[in-house]
């Protein structure tokens, strides 16, 4: 059985950086970003404000969309 998933974009307070990720539990994942529970890019740049999210019935589709969005140009 396949499970749904989300892609999301978060940013820091000053809106100077973007972080794109995917997850099966959006509420839990945003909580983890806000509490800075894991190291990495989002912790280093203090990304915790949710800008956008999108649901997909299949998590593999969410992962594909994440890859597509990460290839976008910054402008």
C-alpha atoms as a PDB file:
ATOM      1  CA  UNK A   1       0.000   0.000   0.000  1.00  0.00           C
ATOM      2  CA  UNK A   2       1.320   3.418  -0.940  1.00  0.00           C
ATOM      3  CA  UNK A   3       1.003   6.448   1.300  1.00  0.00           C
ATOM      4  CA  UNK A   4       0.519  10.071   0.428  1.00  0.00           C
ATOM      5  CA  UNK A   5       3.114  12.744   0.860  1.00  0.00           C
ATOM      6  CA  UNK A   6       3.723  16.457   0.862  1.00  0.00           C
ATOM      7  CA  UNK A   7       6.309  18.757  -0.615  1.00  0.00           C
ATOM      8  CA  UNK A   8       6.871  22.015   1.208  1.00  0.00           C
ATOM      9  CA  UNK A   9       8.852  25.226   1.095  1.00  0.00           C
ATOM     10  CA  UNK A  10      10.008  26.947   4.272  1.00  0.00           C
ATOM     11  CA  UNK A  11      12.058  30.087   4.806  1.00  0.00           C
ATOM     12  CA  UNK A  12      13.703  32.084   7.571  1.00  0.00           C
ATOM     13  CA  UNK A  13      12.350  35.173   9.319  1.00  0.00           C
ATOM     14  CA  UNK A  14      13.978  37.564   6.835  1.00  0.00           C
ATOM     15  CA  UNK A  15      12.836  35.544   3.796  1.00  0.00           C
ATOM     16  CA  UNK A  16      16.406  35.359   2.462  1.00  0.00           C
ATOM     17  CA  UNK A  17      16.702  31.571   1.974  1.00  0.00           C
ATOM     18  CA  UNK A  18      14.384  28.791   0.852  1.00  0.00           C
ATOM     19  CA  UNK A  19      14.329  25.141   1.877  1.00  0.00           C
ATOM     20  CA  UNK A  20      12.379  22.573  -0.152  1.00  0.00           C
ATOM     21  CA  UNK A  21      11.557  19.202   1.362  1.00  0.00           C
ATOM     22  CA  UNK A  22       9.129  16.295   1.275  1.00  0.00           C
ATOM     23  CA  UNK A  23       7.458  14.325   4.047  1.00  0.00           C
ATOM     24  CA  UNK A  24       4.532  12.049   4.833  1.00  0.00           C
ATOM     25  CA  UNK A  25       3.508  14.076   7.911  1.00  0.00           C
ATOM     26  CA  UNK A  26       3.563  17.824   7.287  1.00  0.00           C
ATOM     27  CA  UNK A  27       2.503  18.881  10.816  1.00  0.00           C
ATOM     28  CA  UNK A  28       5.218  16.810  12.474  1.00  0.00           C
ATOM     29  CA  UNK A  29       7.894  17.948  10.014  1.00  0.00           C
ATOM     30  CA  UNK A  30       7.144  21.662  10.424  1.00  0.00           C
ATOM     31  CA  UNK A  31       7.184  21.173  14.213  1.00  0.00           C
ATOM     32  CA  UNK A  32      10.637  19.568  13.883  1.00  0.00           C
ATOM     33  CA  UNK A  33      11.871  22.548  11.847  1.00  0.00           C
ATOM     34  CA  UNK A  34      10.462  25.053  14.342  1.00  0.00           C
ATOM     35  CA  UNK A  35      12.073  23.245  17.298  1.00  0.00           C
ATOM     36  CA  UNK A  36      15.329  22.777  15.327  1.00  0.00           C
ATOM     37  CA  UNK A  37      15.425  19.074  16.190  1.00  0.00           C
ATOM     38  CA  UNK A  38      17.699  18.057  13.314  1.00  0.00           C
ATOM     39  CA  UNK A  39      20.901  19.559  11.969  1.00  0.00           C
ATOM     40  CA  UNK A  40      21.493  20.616   8.415  1.00  0.00           C
ATOM     41  CA  UNK A  41      20.534  23.458   6.130  1.00  0.00           C
ATOM     42  CA  UNK A  42      17.219  24.391   7.762  1.00  0.00           C
ATOM     43  CA  UNK A  43      18.770  24.518  11.238  1.00  0.00           C
ATOM     44  CA  UNK A  44      21.837  26.440  10.053  1.00  0.00           C
ATOM     45  CA  UNK A  45      19.727  29.114   8.348  1.00  0.00           C
ATOM     46  CA  UNK A  46      16.871  29.006  10.897  1.00  0.00           C
ATOM     47  CA  UNK A  47      14.196  28.040   8.347  1.00  0.00           C
ATOM     48  CA  UNK A  48      10.876  27.446  10.044  1.00  0.00           C
ATOM     49  CA  UNK A  49       8.185  29.586   8.354  1.00  0.00           C
ATOM     50  CA  UNK A  50       5.996  27.557   6.001  1.00  0.00           C
ATOM     51  CA  UNK A  51       5.448  29.303   2.659  1.00  0.00           C
ATOM     52  CA  UNK A  52       3.868  26.572   0.541  1.00  0.00           C
ATOM     53  CA  UNK A  53       2.873  22.919   0.618  1.00  0.00           C
ATOM     54  CA  UNK A  54       1.283  20.529  -1.834  1.00  0.00           C
ATOM     55  CA  UNK A  55      -0.244  17.070  -1.213  1.00  0.00           C
ATOM     56  CA  UNK A  56       0.287  14.032  -3.456  1.00  0.00           C
ATOM     57  CA  UNK A  57      -1.611  10.732  -3.094  1.00  0.00           C
ATOM     58  CA  UNK A  58       1.676   8.855  -3.628  1.00  0.00           C
ATOM     59  CA  UNK A  59       4.884   9.787  -1.759  1.00  0.00           C
ATOM     60  CA  UNK A  60       6.989   8.937  -4.815  1.00  0.00           C
ATOM     61  CA  UNK A  61       5.150  11.660  -6.751  1.00  0.00           C
ATOM     62  CA  UNK A  62       5.979  14.110  -3.957  1.00  0.00           C
ATOM     63  CA  UNK A  63       9.658  13.121  -4.167  1.00  0.00           C
ATOM     64  CA  UNK A  64       9.639  13.644  -7.941  1.00  0.00           C
ATOM     65  CA  UNK A  65       8.061  17.079  -7.508  1.00  0.00           C
ATOM     66  CA  UNK A  66      10.656  17.974  -4.861  1.00  0.00           C
ATOM     67  CA  UNK A  67      13.451  17.100  -7.288  1.00  0.00           C
ATOM     68  CA  UNK A  68      11.773  19.169 -10.000  1.00  0.00           C
ATOM     69  CA  UNK A  69      11.386  22.187  -7.703  1.00  0.00           C
ATOM     70  CA  UNK A  70      14.999  21.997  -6.513  1.00  0.00           C
ATOM     71  CA  UNK A  71      16.098  22.351 -10.148  1.00  0.00           C
ATOM     72  CA  UNK A  72      14.279  25.693 -10.503  1.00  0.00           C
ATOM     73  CA  UNK A  73      16.276  28.855 -11.084  1.00  0.00           C
ATOM     74  CA  UNK A  74      16.387  31.291  -8.170  1.00  0.00           C
ATOM     75  CA  UNK A  75      15.016  34.229 -10.155  1.00  0.00           C
END
